[in-house]
Amino acid sequence: MLRNHHPHEVLTHVEQNTNWSAKTFTLALKVERIIFEAATSRESYLDENTLHARVTQVSRRLIDLRKRKNMVKFGIRLPRHFMLAKRQRH
């Protein structure tokens, strides 16, 4: 998956994203560790049929976490109805 990843051209023109390859590799290592630690067994960890779904799920969680950290950093609050809906999904 990592080998096939290429960022959008717009993103590579931003100075902070010139090192996108190293950042993507670091993110891949984090995702791998989380998937490994969450696996209930060696077989479930090695199951290639569910790999894409597991990677997607972990990646979305990491993105949500980053968004929440940024919101706290900049003092942004989500509307109350959004927070309640999000809690009910989990």
N, C-alpha and C. Protein backbone atom coordinates (compact mmCIF):
# COMPACT_ATOMS: atom_id res chain seq x y z
N MET A 1 0.82 -1.19 0.00
CA MET A 1 0.00 0.00 0.00
C MET A 1 0.87 1.26 0.00
N LEU A 2 1.89 1.25 0.82
CA LEU A 2 2.76 2.42 0.93
C LEU A 2 3.47 2.69 -0.40
N ARG A 3 3.88 1.63 -1.07
CA ARG A 3 4.57 1.77 -2.34
C ARG A 3 3.69 2.46 -3.39
N ASN A 4 2.39 2.23 -3.33
CA ASN A 4 1.46 2.79 -4.31
C ASN A 4 0.96 4.18 -3.94
N HIS A 5 1.35 4.68 -2.78
CA HIS A 5 0.86 5.99 -2.31
C HIS A 5 1.63 7.12 -2.95
N HIS A 6 0.89 8.03 -3.55
CA HIS A 6 1.49 9.25 -4.09
C HIS A 6 0.58 10.40 -3.68
N PRO A 7 1.13 11.42 -3.03
CA PRO A 7 0.29 12.53 -2.57
C PRO A 7 -0.22 13.35 -3.76
N HIS A 8 -1.26 14.09 -3.52
CA HIS A 8 -1.75 15.01 -4.55
C HIS A 8 -0.66 16.03 -4.82
N GLU A 9 -0.51 16.41 -6.06
CA GLU A 9 0.56 17.33 -6.46
C GLU A 9 0.50 18.64 -5.67
N VAL A 10 -0.69 19.09 -5.37
CA VAL A 10 -0.85 20.35 -4.62
C VAL A 10 -0.17 20.25 -3.26
N LEU A 11 -0.27 19.10 -2.62
CA LEU A 11 0.29 18.94 -1.28
C LEU A 11 1.81 18.98 -1.28
N THR A 12 2.45 18.51 -2.34
CA THR A 12 3.91 18.46 -2.36
C THR A 12 4.53 19.83 -2.59
N HIS A 13 3.75 20.82 -3.01
CA HIS A 13 4.27 22.16 -3.24
C HIS A 13 4.32 22.99 -1.96
N VAL A 14 3.71 22.50 -0.91
CA VAL A 14 3.73 23.19 0.37
C VAL A 14 5.02 22.80 1.08
N GLU A 15 5.74 23.78 1.59
CA GLU A 15 7.06 23.53 2.18
C GLU A 15 7.03 22.45 3.26
N GLN A 16 5.99 22.43 4.09
CA GLN A 16 5.90 21.47 5.18
C GLN A 16 5.74 20.03 4.67
N ASN A 17 5.33 19.87 3.42
CA ASN A 17 5.07 18.53 2.89
C ASN A 17 6.13 18.04 1.92
N THR A 18 7.27 18.71 1.85
CA THR A 18 8.30 18.27 0.92
C THR A 18 8.87 16.92 1.33
N ASN A 19 8.80 16.59 2.59
CA ASN A 19 9.31 15.32 3.08
C ASN A 19 8.16 14.33 3.28
N TRP A 20 7.21 14.30 2.34
CA TRP A 20 6.01 13.48 2.48
C TRP A 20 6.33 12.00 2.56
N SER A 21 7.39 11.55 1.90
CA SER A 21 7.72 10.13 1.91
C SER A 21 8.08 9.65 3.31
N ALA A 22 8.92 10.40 4.01
CA ALA A 22 9.30 10.03 5.38
C ALA A 22 8.11 10.12 6.32
N LYS A 23 7.26 11.14 6.14
CA LYS A 23 6.08 11.28 6.98
C LYS A 23 5.11 10.12 6.76
N THR A 24 4.95 9.72 5.50
CA THR A 24 4.06 8.60 5.18
C THR A 24 4.60 7.31 5.79
N PHE A 25 5.91 7.12 5.72
CA PHE A 25 6.52 5.92 6.30
C PHE A 25 6.32 5.89 7.81
N THR A 26 6.50 7.03 8.47
CA THR A 26 6.30 7.10 9.92
C THR A 26 4.85 6.79 10.27
N LEU A 27 3.92 7.33 9.51
CA LEU A 27 2.50 7.05 9.74
C LEU A 27 2.21 5.57 9.54
N ALA A 28 2.82 4.97 8.52
CA ALA A 28 2.61 3.55 8.25
C ALA A 28 3.10 2.70 9.43
N LEU A 29 4.21 3.08 10.03
CA LEU A 29 4.72 2.35 11.20
C LEU A 29 3.76 2.46 12.38
N LYS A 30 3.20 3.65 12.59
CA LYS A 30 2.23 3.83 13.67
C LYS A 30 0.99 2.98 13.45
N VAL A 31 0.48 3.00 12.22
CA VAL A 31 -0.70 2.20 11.88
C VAL A 31 -0.41 0.72 12.09
N GLU A 32 0.74 0.28 11.65
CA GLU A 32 1.13 -1.13 11.80
C GLU A 32 1.18 -1.54 13.27
N ARG A 33 1.77 -0.70 14.10
CA ARG A 33 1.86 -1.01 15.53
C ARG A 33 0.47 -1.10 16.17
N ILE A 34 -0.39 -0.17 15.82
CA ILE A 34 -1.74 -0.17 16.38
C ILE A 34 -2.50 -1.42 15.93
N ILE A 35 -2.38 -1.78 14.66
CA ILE A 35 -3.06 -2.97 14.16
C ILE A 35 -2.52 -4.22 14.86
N PHE A 36 -1.22 -4.28 15.05
CA PHE A 36 -0.62 -5.43 15.72
C PHE A 36 -1.11 -5.55 17.16
N GLU A 37 -1.12 -4.42 17.87
CA GLU A 37 -1.55 -4.45 19.28
C GLU A 37 -3.04 -4.73 19.43
N ALA A 38 -3.84 -4.37 18.42
CA ALA A 38 -5.28 -4.59 18.50
C ALA A 38 -5.70 -5.99 18.07
N ALA A 39 -4.81 -6.72 17.44
CA ALA A 39 -5.16 -8.05 16.94
C ALA A 39 -5.44 -9.01 18.09
N THR A 40 -6.48 -9.81 17.91
CA THR A 40 -6.85 -10.79 18.94
C THR A 40 -6.01 -12.05 18.85
N SER A 41 -5.42 -12.28 17.67
CA SER A 41 -4.57 -13.46 17.49
C SER A 41 -3.61 -13.21 16.34
N ARG A 42 -2.64 -14.06 16.23
CA ARG A 42 -1.68 -13.96 15.12
C ARG A 42 -2.40 -14.13 13.78
N GLU A 43 -3.37 -15.04 13.75
CA GLU A 43 -4.11 -15.30 12.52
C GLU A 43 -4.90 -14.07 12.08
N SER A 44 -5.55 -13.41 13.04
CA SER A 44 -6.33 -12.22 12.67
C SER A 44 -5.40 -11.08 12.21
N TYR A 45 -4.23 -11.00 12.81
CA TYR A 45 -3.26 -9.98 12.41
C TYR A 45 -2.76 -10.22 10.99
N LEU A 46 -2.56 -11.48 10.64
CA LEU A 46 -2.01 -11.83 9.33
C LEU A 46 -3.07 -11.99 8.24
N ASP A 47 -4.34 -11.83 8.57
CA ASP A 47 -5.43 -12.02 7.61
C ASP A 47 -5.43 -10.89 6.57
N GLU A 48 -4.97 -11.20 5.37
CA GLU A 48 -4.88 -10.19 4.32
C GLU A 48 -6.25 -9.78 3.79
N ASN A 49 -7.26 -10.62 3.99
CA ASN A 49 -8.61 -10.30 3.51
C ASN A 49 -9.21 -9.11 4.25
N THR A 50 -8.79 -8.88 5.48
CA THR A 50 -9.34 -7.77 6.27
C THR A 50 -8.33 -6.63 6.46
N LEU A 51 -7.17 -6.76 5.85
CA LEU A 51 -6.10 -5.77 6.05
C LEU A 51 -6.52 -4.36 5.64
N HIS A 52 -7.05 -4.22 4.45
CA HIS A 52 -7.41 -2.89 3.96
C HIS A 52 -8.42 -2.22 4.89
N ALA A 53 -9.42 -2.95 5.33
CA ALA A 53 -10.44 -2.40 6.24
C ALA A 53 -9.82 -2.00 7.57
N ARG A 54 -8.90 -2.82 8.09
CA ARG A 54 -8.26 -2.50 9.37
C ARG A 54 -7.38 -1.27 9.26
N VAL A 55 -6.63 -1.16 8.17
CA VAL A 55 -5.77 0.01 7.96
C VAL A 55 -6.62 1.27 7.84
N THR A 56 -7.71 1.18 7.09
CA THR A 56 -8.61 2.32 6.93
C THR A 56 -9.19 2.76 8.26
N GLN A 57 -9.62 1.80 9.07
CA GLN A 57 -10.21 2.12 10.37
C GLN A 57 -9.20 2.82 11.28
N VAL A 58 -8.00 2.30 11.35
CA VAL A 58 -6.98 2.90 12.21
C VAL A 58 -6.59 4.28 11.69
N SER A 59 -6.44 4.41 10.39
CA SER A 59 -6.07 5.71 9.80
C SER A 59 -7.12 6.76 10.11
N ARG A 60 -8.39 6.39 10.01
CA ARG A 60 -9.46 7.35 10.33
C ARG A 60 -9.42 7.75 11.80
N ARG A 61 -9.12 6.79 12.67
CA ARG A 61 -9.02 7.12 14.10
C ARG A 61 -7.87 8.10 14.35
N LEU A 62 -6.74 7.88 13.69
CA LEU A 62 -5.60 8.78 13.85
C LEU A 62 -5.93 10.18 13.32
N ILE A 63 -6.64 10.25 12.22
CA ILE A 63 -7.04 11.54 11.66
C ILE A 63 -7.98 12.25 12.62
N ASP A 64 -8.96 11.52 13.16
CA ASP A 64 -9.89 12.12 14.13
C ASP A 64 -9.15 12.64 15.36
N LEU A 65 -8.17 11.86 15.82
CA LEU A 65 -7.38 12.27 16.98
C LEU A 65 -6.61 13.56 16.68
N ARG A 66 -6.00 13.63 15.50
CA ARG A 66 -5.25 14.82 15.10
C ARG A 66 -6.19 16.03 15.01
N LYS A 67 -7.38 15.83 14.46
CA LYS A 67 -8.35 16.94 14.36
C LYS A 67 -8.73 17.44 15.75
N ARG A 68 -8.97 16.50 16.67
CA ARG A 68 -9.34 16.90 18.03
C ARG A 68 -8.21 17.67 18.70
N LYS A 69 -6.97 17.20 18.52
CA LYS A 69 -5.82 17.90 19.10
C LYS A 69 -5.69 19.30 18.53
N ASN A 70 -5.90 19.44 17.23
CA ASN A 70 -5.83 20.77 16.61
C ASN A 70 -6.93 21.68 17.11
N MET A 71 -8.12 21.12 17.31
CA MET A 71 -9.23 21.92 17.81
C MET A 71 -8.94 22.43 19.22
N VAL A 72 -8.38 21.57 20.05
CA VAL A 72 -8.03 21.98 21.41
C VAL A 72 -6.94 23.05 21.36
N LYS A 73 -5.97 22.82 20.50
CA LYS A 73 -4.85 23.76 20.37
C LYS A 73 -5.33 25.16 19.98
N PHE A 74 -6.29 25.22 19.07
CA PHE A 74 -6.77 26.51 18.59
C PHE A 74 -8.05 26.97 19.28
N GLY A 75 -8.48 26.24 20.29
CA GLY A 75 -9.64 26.65 21.08
C GLY A 75 -10.96 26.57 20.35
N ILE A 76 -11.07 25.64 19.41
CA ILE A 76 -12.30 25.47 18.65
C ILE A 76 -13.14 24.39 19.31
N ARG A 77 -14.44 24.63 19.41
CA ARG A 77 -15.35 23.64 20.00
C ARG A 77 -16.35 23.21 18.95
N LEU A 78 -16.64 21.91 18.93
CA LEU A 78 -17.67 21.39 18.04
C LEU A 78 -19.05 21.69 18.60
N PRO A 79 -20.05 21.85 17.74
CA PRO A 79 -21.41 22.01 18.23
C PRO A 79 -21.82 20.81 19.07
N ARG A 80 -22.63 21.04 20.08
CA ARG A 80 -23.04 19.99 21.01
C ARG A 80 -23.71 18.81 20.30
N HIS A 81 -24.57 19.08 19.32
CA HIS A 81 -25.26 17.99 18.63
C HIS A 81 -24.29 17.09 17.88
N PHE A 82 -23.19 17.64 17.39
CA PHE A 82 -22.18 16.85 16.70
C PHE A 82 -21.48 15.90 17.66
N MET A 83 -21.14 16.39 18.83
CA MET A 83 -20.46 15.57 19.84
C MET A 83 -21.36 14.44 20.31
N LEU A 84 -22.64 14.72 20.52
CA LEU A 84 -23.57 13.68 20.96
C LEU A 84 -23.73 12.60 19.90
N ALA A 85 -23.82 12.98 18.65
CA ALA A 85 -23.95 12.01 17.56
C ALA A 85 -22.71 11.15 17.46
N LYS A 86 -21.55 11.73 17.64
CA LYS A 86 -20.29 10.98 17.56
C LYS A 86 -20.19 9.97 18.70
N ARG A 87 -20.61 10.35 19.90
CA ARG A 87 -20.57 9.43 21.04
C ARG A 87 -21.49 8.24 20.83
N GLN A 88 -22.63 8.47 20.23
CA GLN A 88 -23.60 7.40 20.02
C GLN A 88 -23.10 6.37 19.02
N ARG A 89 -22.24 6.79 18.09
CA ARG A 89 -21.69 5.85 17.10
C ARG A 89 -20.71 4.87 17.73
N HIS A 90 -20.02 5.28 18.79
CA HIS A 90 -18.98 4.43 19.41
C HIS A 90 -19.55 3.57 20.45
